[in-house]
């Protein structure tokens, strides 16, 4: 009798283990299916300037499908949203922290290269500080020491270089958005 009970207990444990593994696989499949729609809603909200809503879509998705590749991608997209100058809740420090978190993740990351570039841009923009004029060019002050004038010119050149890099990154992001907006072919 004890042997039969032991065999029954082992069979139940094996069956329960299979259910747990099956649920994880289903969750990963569900995440893959739900991700394109979530990303499309997020992008639509961001384009409309509804950044809080866009962030909510991403955080809810990550909570619903924790541990999936798609949940990790939400971290990247939250960082991108935080970099948008139109986002009042955005900022370089938070975006950089999110990009750091994304880049520390294990495994293959869909946007690793973009995240590394955006993180470097965020660091550079953070160290340059606010720009003094709308054009981004600081005019030397009359009577300023020659080394200060040279320093200002060097900063102006760095700002221009960063603007060009940012423009390239924005172009790449727009290209990615357009690619993601296209319907997925079966």
Foldseek 3Di string as FASTA:
>chain_A
DVVVVVVVVVVVVVVVVVVVVVVLVVLQVVLVVCLLVLVVVLVVCVVVVNNVVSLVSLVVSCVSRPPHLSNLVSLLVNLVSLPPPSNPPHALVSSLVSLVVSQPDDDDHPCNVLSVLSNVLSVLDVVLDDQDDPVSQDDDDPPDDPVVRVVSVVSSVSVVVSVVSVVVSVVVVVVVVVVSPDDDDD
